[in-house]
């Protein structure tokens, strides 16, 4: 038993950290949070999987029942996982599993990175700081930002495997870079926007410092990671003009309205469950997170002057310190000139989202302090002090405002709750040709003019069909928004359709006769190309895995 504890104490301690902050997830029912669409998104993704719409792009029930291309643009990975779990445990429990996974995964991933940079004891401190940062509680129990939590949990693995591959060109590290990068890229668009430049700088920085013999392996693995994620990232970028993305960066979602003050991120300990609009929400870095950074700066300066520190650890700390300072600056209105010149940052919406980079770097800097000490007794003592202080100051944030212990899947996906989810976030990905509906879409096609009988309507995630007997030339409107590439067939033959109506729905004109009308959601050339790139990248990764060692590519 003693040997078992000594071998696995790190993972036991990580499990304790995770249990402290995740216990509300294991209660019966559900809890309140801002982005209360997790169950709906899982439900829609499951419909895609059931209909074999893979990769999923169009969802039929959102857009107030008219459908829209949610997963052509919105972070997809968490909901693939959630949909698979829903087959086993239902929708609410699947949603709670999606809240839990980033906690467990984030603890392990940041520990591995901290351990590689500064040692095992430092790694466990880094994990404690990272998991107990107030921003993590804000993401989970206030905002309900599942996709952002996934991105923040996965990205330490990207940094870890890049560093490992630079230092040791093994197949495991090569696969680790490609797979972790691909998973990160399809987890959350805005985390990608923030972290990809830092990942690039990290790669260049350590390639320069370590000067590995097989640097080209890193570039190939990164390229394959982007290739694997291409099915999502290429359409999301190149087809962004097909939707009304202006809603994502206007009014209270505009970055100009969401800068924070130094007092808010360093000193203010207020905690609330309101919204950004009423300012009843916390954007703090966390105590003791920024204290540790403040302590590190003079120690690092003294160490550099007197050359008392290990160079390998110092260079890591310097990189992280630059990331920390730059990220704090980006949350403040003094950085407005950068936001105004880099237009894509508009889609980040909230400058305080740079807290993701801040807590990432601050947690790792806390590990550097442990590495400065000379022996393990000193390291264990300081680690215990930091962890206990972090727990005492931050554990109380990790609880939802309200519990709904009796809420079931059936209640969540019916009646008023169902309709609320259908119309929520309706402007986020509305097709360019569509208009915001003021009422729920009808359950059947509508006869706009003429005389026709309509029957046997079915509406799936990527197709629909109905039968009609037209007695006089008629115009029929489908309860489906038009979007590239919906294609209509009448009696098995391609047939023209229009979206020139009140809301931009699919409509067709039919002469007299009996018809079976079908609609199919097809890929655009960009989506087809993106799917091919992902498949080719997967094949190349498999080929590298099979033949890499025999060709002496890997050690």
Protein backbone atom coordinates (compact mmCIF):
# COMPACT_ATOMS: atom_id res chain seq x y z
CA UNK A 1 0.00 0.00 0.00
CA UNK A 2 2.85 2.36 0.89
CA UNK A 3 4.59 1.58 -2.39
CA UNK A 4 1.37 2.19 -4.29
CA UNK A 5 0.98 5.58 -2.65
CA UNK A 6 4.59 6.56 -3.36
CA UNK A 7 4.20 5.56 -6.99
CA UNK A 8 0.91 7.35 -7.60
CA UNK A 9 0.73 10.17 -5.04
CA UNK A 10 0.77 12.80 -7.78
CA UNK A 11 -2.33 11.41 -9.47
CA UNK A 12 -4.07 10.96 -6.11
CA UNK A 13 -3.42 14.61 -5.31
CA UNK A 14 -4.64 15.66 -8.75
CA UNK A 15 -7.80 13.62 -8.13
CA UNK A 16 -8.31 15.51 -4.85
CA UNK A 17 -7.97 18.86 -6.64
CA UNK A 18 -10.46 17.81 -9.28
CA UNK A 19 -12.91 16.45 -6.69
CA UNK A 20 -12.86 19.72 -4.74
CA UNK A 21 -13.86 21.79 -7.75
CA UNK A 22 -16.12 19.32 -9.56
CA UNK A 23 -18.34 17.90 -6.82
CA UNK A 24 -21.42 19.95 -7.89
CA UNK A 25 -21.39 18.10 -11.21
CA UNK A 26 -22.19 14.80 -9.52
CA UNK A 27 -25.39 15.97 -7.88
CA UNK A 28 -28.72 14.95 -9.33
CA UNK A 29 -30.29 17.23 -11.91
CA UNK A 30 -28.66 20.30 -13.46
CA UNK A 31 -27.42 23.76 -12.51
CA UNK A 32 -27.69 27.35 -13.74
CA UNK A 33 -25.13 29.04 -16.04
CA UNK A 34 -25.16 31.69 -18.75
CA UNK A 35 -24.62 29.57 -21.87
CA UNK A 36 -27.43 27.13 -21.17
CA UNK A 37 -27.22 25.44 -24.58
CA UNK A 38 -25.01 22.49 -23.73
CA UNK A 39 -27.86 19.96 -23.69
CA UNK A 40 -29.29 21.38 -26.93
CA UNK A 41 -25.95 21.21 -28.74
CA UNK A 42 -25.42 17.62 -27.60
CA UNK A 43 -28.93 16.76 -28.79
CA UNK A 44 -28.28 18.32 -32.20
CA UNK A 45 -24.90 16.62 -32.57
CA UNK A 46 -26.49 13.28 -31.71
CA UNK A 47 -29.03 13.85 -34.47
CA UNK A 48 -26.12 14.40 -36.86
CA UNK A 49 -24.41 11.18 -35.79
CA UNK A 50 -27.67 9.24 -36.06
CA UNK A 51 -28.21 10.62 -39.58
CA UNK A 52 -24.55 9.96 -40.49
CA UNK A 53 -23.94 13.64 -41.15
CA UNK A 54 -20.23 13.38 -40.34
CA UNK A 55 -18.69 15.85 -39.94
CA UNK A 56 -21.72 17.61 -38.54
CA UNK A 57 -22.39 21.08 -39.97
CA UNK A 58 -26.14 21.77 -40.12
CA UNK A 59 -28.47 21.38 -37.12
CA UNK A 60 -32.25 21.27 -37.77
CA UNK A 61 -33.85 22.47 -34.52
CA UNK A 62 -31.98 25.65 -33.64
CA UNK A 63 -32.54 28.96 -35.40
CA UNK A 64 -35.99 28.86 -33.77
CA UNK A 65 -36.73 25.60 -35.58
CA UNK A 66 -35.45 26.72 -39.01
CA UNK A 67 -32.02 25.19 -38.56
CA UNK A 68 -28.64 26.80 -39.12
CA UNK A 69 -24.99 25.78 -39.76
CA UNK A 70 -23.90 25.69 -36.11
CA UNK A 71 -21.09 23.15 -36.30
CA UNK A 72 -19.71 24.55 -39.52
CA UNK A 73 -18.45 27.38 -37.29
CA UNK A 74 -18.89 26.57 -33.61
CA UNK A 75 -16.43 24.50 -31.58
CA UNK A 76 -17.24 20.91 -32.43
CA UNK A 77 -15.03 18.51 -30.42
CA UNK A 78 -16.81 18.74 -27.04
CA UNK A 79 -20.17 17.98 -28.62
CA UNK A 80 -18.95 14.94 -30.54
CA UNK A 81 -17.85 13.60 -27.17
CA UNK A 82 -21.08 14.68 -25.49
CA UNK A 83 -23.23 13.08 -28.19
CA UNK A 84 -21.42 9.75 -27.76
CA UNK A 85 -21.91 9.87 -23.98
CA UNK A 86 -25.59 10.75 -24.43
CA UNK A 87 -26.23 7.30 -25.90
CA UNK A 88 -25.09 5.85 -22.56
CA UNK A 89 -26.19 8.31 -19.87
CA UNK A 90 -28.68 10.71 -21.45
CA UNK A 91 -28.35 14.38 -22.27
CA UNK A 92 -28.07 16.12 -18.90
CA UNK A 93 -25.45 13.71 -17.60
CA UNK A 94 -23.59 13.96 -20.91
CA UNK A 95 -23.53 17.75 -20.48
CA UNK A 96 -22.17 17.41 -16.94
CA UNK A 97 -19.49 15.04 -18.22
CA UNK A 98 -18.47 17.77 -20.67
CA UNK A 99 -18.04 20.12 -17.73
CA UNK A 100 -15.98 17.51 -15.87
CA UNK A 101 -13.59 16.39 -18.64
CA UNK A 102 -11.72 19.73 -18.92
CA UNK A 103 -11.11 19.71 -15.17
CA UNK A 104 -9.56 16.24 -15.10
CA UNK A 105 -7.76 16.65 -18.42
CA UNK A 106 -6.56 20.16 -17.61
CA UNK A 107 -5.01 18.99 -14.35
CA UNK A 108 -3.11 16.18 -16.06
CA UNK A 109 -2.00 18.22 -19.07
CA UNK A 110 -0.69 21.21 -17.12
CA UNK A 111 1.04 18.86 -14.64
CA UNK A 112 2.91 17.17 -17.48
CA UNK A 113 4.03 20.52 -18.87
CA UNK A 114 5.02 21.86 -15.45
CA UNK A 115 6.93 18.67 -14.68
CA UNK A 116 8.82 18.83 -18.00
CA UNK A 117 9.80 22.45 -17.37
CA UNK A 118 10.48 22.51 -13.64
CA UNK A 119 10.22 19.01 -12.11
CA UNK A 120 7.57 16.82 -10.47
CA UNK A 121 6.99 18.84 -7.30
CA UNK A 122 6.69 22.03 -9.33
CA UNK A 123 4.30 20.22 -11.68
CA UNK A 124 1.83 19.44 -8.91
CA UNK A 125 1.92 23.10 -7.76
CA UNK A 126 1.30 24.23 -11.33
CA UNK A 127 -1.69 21.87 -11.57
CA UNK A 128 -3.14 23.17 -8.30
CA UNK A 129 -2.80 26.78 -9.35
CA UNK A 130 -4.24 26.12 -12.80
CA UNK A 131 -7.24 24.11 -11.61
CA UNK A 132 -8.10 26.50 -8.77
CA UNK A 133 -7.74 29.73 -10.72
CA UNK A 134 -10.96 31.77 -10.32
CA UNK A 135 -11.27 32.03 -14.11
CA UNK A 136 -11.82 28.27 -14.25
CA UNK A 137 -14.78 28.66 -11.86
CA UNK A 138 -16.04 31.56 -13.98
CA UNK A 139 -15.88 29.40 -17.12
CA UNK A 140 -17.63 26.41 -15.59
CA UNK A 141 -20.16 27.56 -13.03
CA UNK A 142 -20.97 31.11 -14.15
CA UNK A 143 -20.57 31.34 -17.93
CA UNK A 144 -20.92 27.61 -18.70
CA UNK A 145 -18.18 27.93 -21.33
CA UNK A 146 -17.66 24.25 -22.07
CA UNK A 147 -15.81 24.66 -25.37
CA UNK A 148 -13.45 27.30 -23.96
CA UNK A 149 -12.73 25.02 -20.99
CA UNK A 150 -11.87 22.19 -23.39
CA UNK A 151 -9.46 24.42 -25.30
CA UNK A 152 -7.76 25.58 -22.12
CA UNK A 153 -7.45 21.98 -20.88
CA UNK A 154 -5.96 20.64 -24.11
CA UNK A 155 -3.50 23.41 -25.00
CA UNK A 156 -0.92 22.53 -22.29
CA UNK A 157 -0.54 19.16 -24.04
CA UNK A 158 0.36 20.97 -27.27
CA UNK A 159 3.15 22.89 -25.51
CA UNK A 160 4.26 19.74 -23.67
CA UNK A 161 4.54 17.52 -26.74
CA UNK A 162 6.25 20.25 -28.78
CA UNK A 163 8.91 20.54 -26.09
CA UNK A 164 9.21 16.75 -25.78
CA UNK A 165 9.54 16.30 -29.55
CA UNK A 166 12.24 18.96 -29.74
CA UNK A 167 14.17 17.20 -26.98
CA UNK A 168 13.45 13.61 -28.03
CA UNK A 169 12.32 12.67 -31.56
CA UNK A 170 10.10 9.70 -30.69
CA UNK A 171 6.97 8.49 -32.44
CA UNK A 172 4.97 9.06 -29.24
CA UNK A 173 5.93 12.74 -29.11
CA UNK A 174 5.36 13.16 -32.86
CA UNK A 175 1.83 11.75 -32.58
CA UNK A 176 1.28 13.76 -29.41
CA UNK A 177 1.96 17.06 -31.19
CA UNK A 178 -0.31 16.29 -34.15
CA UNK A 179 -3.23 14.84 -32.20
CA UNK A 180 -3.19 17.38 -29.34
CA UNK A 181 -2.93 20.30 -31.79
CA UNK A 182 -5.81 18.96 -33.91
CA UNK A 183 -7.96 18.45 -30.80
CA UNK A 184 -7.17 21.97 -29.62
CA UNK A 185 -7.99 23.55 -33.00
CA UNK A 186 -11.47 22.02 -33.06
CA UNK A 187 -12.21 22.77 -29.40
CA UNK A 188 -12.66 26.54 -29.35
CA UNK A 189 -12.12 29.13 -32.07
CA UNK A 190 -11.15 32.00 -29.77
CA UNK A 191 -8.68 29.92 -27.76
CA UNK A 192 -7.13 29.07 -31.13
CA UNK A 193 -6.91 32.77 -31.96
CA UNK A 194 -5.11 33.49 -28.69
CA UNK A 195 -2.83 30.49 -28.35
CA UNK A 196 -1.72 29.65 -31.91
CA UNK A 197 0.68 32.65 -32.09
CA UNK A 198 2.12 31.64 -28.69
CA UNK A 199 2.47 28.02 -29.85
CA UNK A 200 4.37 29.25 -32.91
CA UNK A 201 6.69 31.43 -30.79
CA UNK A 202 7.18 28.58 -28.29
CA UNK A 203 8.22 26.25 -31.12
CA UNK A 204 10.66 28.76 -32.65
CA UNK A 205 12.05 29.74 -29.23
CA UNK A 206 12.85 26.20 -28.13
CA UNK A 207 14.07 25.13 -31.55
CA UNK A 208 16.57 27.97 -31.35
CA UNK A 209 17.63 27.11 -27.80
CA UNK A 210 17.75 23.31 -28.10
CA UNK A 211 18.92 23.10 -31.74
CA UNK A 212 17.64 19.52 -32.33
CA UNK A 213 19.00 17.43 -35.22
CA UNK A 214 15.51 16.57 -36.47
CA UNK A 215 13.77 19.94 -36.28
CA UNK A 216 11.90 19.12 -39.48
CA UNK A 217 9.87 16.51 -37.58
CA UNK A 218 8.23 19.29 -35.55
CA UNK A 219 7.13 21.17 -38.67
CA UNK A 220 5.65 17.99 -40.18
CA UNK A 221 3.81 17.10 -36.98
CA UNK A 222 2.40 20.63 -36.67
CA UNK A 223 1.34 20.58 -40.32
CA UNK A 224 -0.42 17.24 -39.83
CA UNK A 225 -2.16 18.63 -36.74
CA UNK A 226 -3.55 21.51 -38.80
CA UNK A 227 -4.40 19.03 -41.55
CA UNK A 228 -6.38 16.77 -39.21
CA UNK A 229 -8.41 19.77 -38.04
CA UNK A 230 -8.93 21.16 -41.55
CA UNK A 231 -12.43 19.71 -41.90
CA UNK A 232 -13.46 22.28 -39.29
CA UNK A 233 -11.04 25.21 -39.41
CA UNK A 234 -11.04 25.76 -43.20
CA UNK A 235 -14.84 26.13 -43.63
CA UNK A 236 -15.08 28.09 -40.36
CA UNK A 237 -12.62 30.65 -41.76
CA UNK A 238 -13.30 30.71 -45.50
CA UNK A 239 -17.10 30.51 -45.22
CA UNK A 240 -17.51 33.10 -42.48
CA UNK A 241 -19.07 35.52 -44.99
CA UNK A 242 -21.98 33.10 -45.52
CA UNK A 243 -23.40 33.93 -42.07
CA UNK A 244 -24.32 37.13 -40.27
CA UNK A 245 -21.27 37.18 -38.05
CA UNK A 246 -21.74 40.87 -37.28
CA UNK A 247 -23.90 39.86 -34.33
CA UNK A 248 -20.85 38.20 -32.76
CA UNK A 249 -19.03 41.52 -32.43
CA UNK A 250 -21.73 44.13 -31.81
CA UNK A 251 -23.40 45.76 -28.82
CA UNK A 252 -22.36 44.11 -25.54
CA UNK A 253 -20.24 41.59 -27.49
CA UNK A 254 -17.98 44.34 -28.85
CA UNK A 255 -14.48 44.36 -27.39
CA UNK A 256 -14.67 48.13 -26.75
CA UNK A 257 -17.29 47.53 -24.06
CA UNK A 258 -15.39 44.76 -22.31
CA UNK A 259 -11.98 46.01 -21.23
CA UNK A 260 -11.19 45.49 -17.56
CA UNK A 261 -9.27 47.61 -15.08
CA UNK A 262 -6.12 46.63 -13.22
CA UNK A 263 -8.15 46.73 -10.02
CA UNK A 264 -10.58 44.15 -11.42
CA UNK A 265 -7.92 41.64 -12.39
CA UNK A 266 -5.48 42.12 -9.49
CA UNK A 267 -7.35 43.30 -6.40
CA UNK A 268 -11.13 42.91 -6.67
CA UNK A 269 -12.25 39.67 -4.99
CA UNK A 270 -15.96 40.22 -5.60
CA UNK A 271 -17.75 37.14 -6.96
CA UNK A 272 -21.11 37.25 -8.72
CA UNK A 273 -23.26 35.30 -11.14
CA UNK A 274 -24.60 38.18 -13.20
CA UNK A 275 -23.64 39.23 -16.71
CA UNK A 276 -21.02 41.45 -18.26
CA UNK A 277 -23.74 44.06 -18.83
CA UNK A 278 -24.59 44.57 -15.15
CA UNK A 279 -20.93 44.20 -14.12
CA UNK A 280 -21.86 41.59 -11.51
CA UNK A 281 -19.12 39.19 -12.52
CA UNK A 282 -15.48 38.63 -11.55
CA UNK A 283 -12.46 38.93 -13.85
CA UNK A 284 -9.71 38.41 -11.30
CA UNK A 285 -6.43 36.62 -12.02
CA UNK A 286 -6.59 35.11 -8.58
CA UNK A 287 -4.68 35.09 -5.33
CA UNK A 288 -1.94 33.83 -4.88
CA UNK A 289 -1.44 33.49 -8.67
CA UNK A 290 -0.30 37.03 -9.38
CA UNK A 291 1.59 37.22 -6.08
CA UNK A 292 3.85 34.44 -7.31
CA UNK A 293 4.51 36.30 -10.55
CA UNK A 294 5.34 39.44 -8.60
CA UNK A 295 7.80 37.50 -6.42
CA UNK A 296 9.38 35.85 -9.47
CA UNK A 297 10.33 39.08 -11.25
CA UNK A 298 12.95 40.32 -8.73
CA UNK A 299 14.22 36.80 -8.03
CA UNK A 300 14.68 36.22 -11.74
CA UNK A 301 16.50 39.53 -12.08
CA UNK A 302 18.85 38.79 -9.19
CA UNK A 303 19.49 35.28 -10.46
CA UNK A 304 20.37 36.51 -13.92
CA UNK A 305 22.74 39.16 -12.57
CA UNK A 306 24.60 36.72 -10.30
CA UNK A 307 24.15 33.71 -12.61
CA UNK A 308 22.83 31.51 -9.83
CA UNK A 309 19.94 29.92 -11.75
CA UNK A 310 19.75 26.99 -14.15
CA UNK A 311 19.68 28.36 -17.68
CA UNK A 312 17.13 25.82 -18.96
CA UNK A 313 14.59 26.83 -16.32
CA UNK A 314 15.32 30.56 -16.60
CA UNK A 315 14.61 30.68 -20.32
CA UNK A 316 11.25 28.97 -19.78
CA UNK A 317 10.34 31.43 -17.01
CA UNK A 318 11.33 34.41 -19.17
CA UNK A 319 9.07 33.23 -21.99
CA UNK A 320 6.15 32.74 -19.59
CA UNK A 321 6.71 36.11 -17.96
CA UNK A 322 6.53 37.85 -21.32
CA UNK A 323 3.28 35.99 -22.10
CA UNK A 324 1.84 37.00 -18.72
CA UNK A 325 2.67 40.71 -19.05
CA UNK A 326 1.50 40.90 -22.67
CA UNK A 327 -1.78 39.15 -21.83
CA UNK A 328 -2.50 41.46 -18.89
CA UNK A 329 -1.88 44.40 -21.21
CA UNK A 330 -4.35 43.00 -23.77
CA UNK A 331 -7.18 43.05 -21.19
CA UNK A 332 -6.76 46.81 -20.59
CA UNK A 333 -8.03 49.66 -22.73
CA UNK A 334 -4.44 50.83 -23.26
CA UNK A 335 -4.20 47.96 -25.77
CA UNK A 336 -7.01 49.42 -27.90
CA UNK A 337 -4.61 50.33 -30.72
CA UNK A 338 -3.74 46.63 -31.12
CA UNK A 339 -7.38 45.53 -31.12
CA UNK A 340 -8.18 48.15 -33.73
CA UNK A 341 -5.32 47.16 -36.05
CA UNK A 342 -5.79 43.37 -35.87
CA UNK A 343 -9.36 43.11 -37.10
CA UNK A 344 -9.77 39.38 -36.44
CA UNK A 345 -9.50 40.11 -32.72
CA UNK A 346 -13.02 41.54 -32.93
CA UNK A 347 -14.31 37.97 -32.87
CA UNK A 348 -12.65 37.44 -29.48
CA UNK A 349 -15.37 39.79 -28.15
CA UNK A 350 -14.05 40.10 -24.61
CA UNK A 351 -10.50 41.33 -23.87
CA UNK A 352 -10.76 39.65 -20.46
CA UNK A 353 -10.68 36.33 -22.28
CA UNK A 354 -6.91 36.83 -22.22
CA UNK A 355 -7.27 35.59 -18.64
CA UNK A 356 -6.89 32.14 -20.22
CA UNK A 357 -3.30 33.00 -21.19
CA UNK A 358 -2.76 34.82 -17.91
CA UNK A 359 -3.66 31.88 -15.67
CA UNK A 360 -1.79 29.49 -17.97
CA UNK A 361 1.44 31.48 -17.66
CA UNK A 362 0.96 32.48 -14.00
CA UNK A 363 0.43 28.86 -12.94
CA UNK A 364 3.61 27.74 -14.69
CA UNK A 365 5.57 30.66 -13.20
CA UNK A 366 4.45 29.40 -9.79
CA UNK A 367 6.17 26.12 -10.64
CA UNK A 368 9.37 28.01 -11.47
CA UNK A 369 9.49 29.32 -7.89
CA UNK A 370 9.55 25.74 -6.61
CA UNK A 371 12.40 24.88 -8.96
CA UNK A 372 14.51 27.72 -7.51
CA UNK A 373 14.85 25.94 -4.16
CA UNK A 374 17.91 23.81 -3.50
CA UNK A 375 16.48 20.61 -1.98
CA UNK A 376 13.28 18.59 -1.96
CA UNK A 377 12.40 19.39 1.68
CA UNK A 378 12.29 23.09 0.86
CA UNK A 379 10.35 22.40 -2.32
CA UNK A 380 7.77 20.23 -0.55
CA UNK A 381 7.30 22.88 2.14
CA UNK A 382 6.80 25.74 -0.31
CA UNK A 383 4.56 23.55 -2.47
CA UNK A 384 2.39 22.79 0.56
CA UNK A 385 2.15 26.49 1.45
CA UNK A 386 1.18 27.51 -2.11
CA UNK A 387 -1.37 24.72 -2.53
CA UNK A 388 -3.03 25.30 0.85
CA UNK A 389 -3.15 29.07 0.26
CA UNK A 390 -4.67 28.55 -3.19
CA UNK A 391 -7.30 26.19 -1.81
CA UNK A 392 -8.28 28.48 1.06
CA UNK A 393 -8.59 31.54 -1.17
CA UNK A 394 -10.38 30.03 -4.17
CA UNK A 395 -12.27 26.79 -3.48
CA UNK A 396 -15.49 28.61 -2.54
CA UNK A 397 -15.88 29.95 -6.09
CA UNK A 398 -16.43 26.49 -7.54
CA UNK A 399 -20.16 26.18 -7.02
CA UNK A 400 -23.14 27.10 -9.23
CA UNK A 401 -25.60 29.77 -8.20
CA UNK A 402 -28.65 27.46 -8.42
CA UNK A 403 -29.37 23.74 -8.58
CA UNK A 404 -32.36 22.14 -10.31
CA UNK A 405 -32.32 18.68 -8.68
CA UNK A 406 -35.43 17.33 -10.38
CA UNK A 407 -34.75 18.45 -13.94
CA UNK A 408 -34.86 15.55 -16.44
CA UNK A 409 -33.93 15.13 -20.10
CA UNK A 410 -37.59 15.07 -21.06
CA UNK A 411 -38.29 18.40 -19.31
CA UNK A 412 -35.16 20.04 -20.73
CA UNK A 413 -36.06 19.02 -24.28
CA UNK A 414 -39.75 19.87 -24.31
CA UNK A 415 -42.16 22.74 -23.72
CA UNK A 416 -40.89 26.18 -22.83
CA UNK A 417 -37.35 25.02 -22.05
CA UNK A 418 -37.07 23.44 -25.50
CA UNK A 419 -38.34 26.56 -27.23
CA UNK A 420 -35.97 28.76 -25.21
CA UNK A 421 -33.04 26.68 -26.45
CA UNK A 422 -34.28 26.74 -30.03
CA UNK A 423 -34.25 30.53 -30.20
CA UNK A 424 -31.19 31.17 -28.02
CA UNK A 425 -28.09 32.62 -29.74
CA UNK A 426 -30.18 32.82 -32.90
CA UNK A 427 -28.15 35.62 -34.48
CA UNK A 428 -24.76 33.94 -34.01
CA UNK A 429 -24.78 31.88 -37.20
CA UNK A 430 -27.87 33.02 -39.10
CA UNK A 431 -27.34 32.60 -42.87
CA UNK A 432 -26.72 35.84 -44.79
CA UNK A 433 -29.93 35.34 -46.76
CA UNK A 434 -32.05 34.80 -43.64
CA UNK A 435 -33.89 37.17 -41.31
CA UNK A 436 -34.40 36.78 -37.60
CA UNK A 437 -37.67 34.91 -37.00
CA UNK A 438 -40.03 36.29 -34.39
CA UNK A 439 -41.89 33.05 -33.87
CA UNK A 440 -41.12 29.35 -33.97
CA UNK A 441 -40.91 27.68 -37.37
CA UNK A 442 -44.00 25.67 -38.33
CA UNK A 443 -43.81 21.92 -38.05
CA UNK A 444 -44.76 21.35 -41.71
CA UNK A 445 -44.17 23.03 -45.09
CA UNK A 446 -46.48 25.99 -45.74
CA UNK A 447 -48.63 26.60 -48.80
CA UNK A 448 -47.93 30.23 -49.73
CA UNK A 449 -50.07 30.39 -52.88
CA UNK A 450 -52.05 28.05 -55.14
CA UNK A 451 -53.85 24.88 -54.17
CA UNK A 452 -51.96 21.81 -52.92
CA UNK A 453 -52.18 19.05 -50.33
CA UNK A 454 -48.96 18.40 -48.35
CA UNK A 455 -48.26 15.24 -46.37
CA UNK A 456 -45.57 12.93 -44.92
CA UNK A 457 -43.11 15.67 -44.00
CA UNK A 458 -39.90 14.51 -42.31
CA UNK A 459 -37.00 16.71 -41.27
CA UNK A 460 -33.59 15.22 -40.44
CA UNK A 461 -30.28 16.92 -39.71
CA UNK A 462 -29.11 16.89 -43.33
CA UNK A 463 -32.22 16.11 -45.39
CA UNK A 464 -35.95 16.56 -45.51
CA UNK A 465 -38.82 15.27 -47.65
CA UNK A 466 -42.56 15.55 -48.18
CA UNK A 467 -45.24 14.50 -50.64
CA UNK A 468 -47.69 16.84 -52.33
CA UNK A 469 -50.58 16.81 -54.75
CA UNK A 470 -50.72 20.16 -56.55
CA UNK A 471 -54.14 21.07 -57.97
CA UNK A 472 -53.18 24.58 -59.09
CA UNK A 473 -49.63 25.97 -59.58
CA UNK A 474 -48.37 26.50 -56.04
CA UNK A 475 -45.55 28.00 -54.02
CA UNK A 476 -44.51 25.90 -51.02
CA UNK A 477 -42.17 27.16 -48.30
CA UNK A 478 -40.10 24.81 -46.13
CA UNK A 479 -39.47 25.49 -42.43
CA UNK A 480 -35.73 25.40 -43.26
CA UNK A 481 -33.37 28.32 -43.85
CA UNK A 482 -31.56 28.25 -47.18
CA UNK A 483 -27.79 27.94 -47.04
CA UNK A 484 -25.09 26.60 -49.38
CA UNK A 485 -25.48 23.81 -50.38
CA UNK A 486 -29.09 22.79 -49.89
CA UNK A 487 -30.19 20.97 -53.05
CA UNK A 488 -33.81 20.17 -53.89
CA UNK A 489 -35.02 17.16 -55.87
CA UNK A 490 -38.55 16.71 -57.21
CA UNK A 491 -39.44 13.14 -58.19
CA UNK A 492 -35.74 12.31 -58.08
CA UNK A 493 -34.53 15.14 -60.33
CA UNK A 494 -32.68 18.32 -59.37
CA UNK A 495 -35.08 21.23 -59.08
CA UNK A 496 -34.56 24.99 -58.63
CA UNK A 497 -35.49 26.64 -55.35
CA UNK A 498 -35.54 30.18 -54.00
CA UNK A 499 -35.02 31.98 -50.69
CA UNK A 500 -36.67 35.24 -51.75
CA UNK A 501 -39.34 35.24 -49.07
CA UNK A 502 -40.08 36.79 -45.70
CA UNK A 503 -37.40 34.92 -43.71
CA UNK A 504 -35.04 33.44 -46.29
CA UNK A 505 -36.43 29.93 -46.09
CA UNK A 506 -36.27 27.39 -48.91
CA UNK A 507 -39.27 27.72 -51.23
CA UNK A 508 -40.25 26.00 -54.49
CA UNK A 509 -42.80 26.62 -57.24
CA UNK A 510 -44.63 23.54 -58.51
CA UNK A 511 -47.04 23.10 -61.44
CA UNK A 512 -50.04 20.78 -61.24
CA UNK A 513 -49.22 17.15 -60.49
CA UNK A 514 -48.14 14.66 -57.81
CA UNK A 515 -44.65 14.97 -56.39
CA UNK A 516 -42.19 13.66 -53.88
CA UNK A 517 -39.99 16.58 -52.87
CA UNK A 518 -36.64 16.04 -51.13
CA UNK A 519 -33.87 18.31 -49.88
CA UNK A 520 -30.26 17.31 -49.23
CA UNK A 521 -27.51 19.27 -47.50
CA UNK A 522 -24.36 18.89 -49.59
CA UNK A 523 -20.81 20.11 -49.10
CA UNK A 524 -19.45 23.19 -50.81
CA UNK A 525 -16.09 22.86 -52.63
CA UNK A 526 -14.32 24.30 -49.56
CA UNK A 527 -15.92 21.75 -47.23
CA UNK A 528 -15.09 18.91 -49.61
CA UNK A 529 -11.48 20.08 -49.88
CA UNK A 530 -11.26 20.45 -46.10
CA UNK A 531 -12.58 16.90 -45.57
CA UNK A 532 -10.04 15.55 -48.08
CA UNK A 533 -7.17 17.38 -46.36
CA UNK A 534 -8.18 15.88 -43.02
CA UNK A 535 -8.41 12.35 -44.47
CA UNK A 536 -5.05 12.68 -46.26
CA UNK A 537 -3.45 13.99 -43.05
CA UNK A 538 -4.84 11.04 -41.12
CA UNK A 539 -3.45 8.61 -43.70
CA UNK A 540 -0.03 10.30 -43.60
CA UNK A 541 -0.03 10.11 -39.80
CA UNK A 542 -0.78 6.38 -39.95
CA UNK A 543 1.95 5.86 -42.56
CA UNK A 544 4.44 7.76 -40.39
CA UNK A 545 3.44 5.62 -37.44
CA UNK A 546 3.92 2.34 -39.34
CA UNK A 547 7.11 3.10 -41.22
CA UNK A 548 8.71 5.76 -39.03
CA UNK A 549 10.82 3.47 -36.89
CA UNK A 550 11.81 1.09 -39.68
CA UNK A 551 13.04 4.06 -41.75
CA UNK A 552 14.90 5.39 -38.69
CA UNK A 553 12.88 8.60 -38.68
CA UNK A 554 12.23 8.27 -34.95
CA UNK A 555 14.56 7.15 -32.20
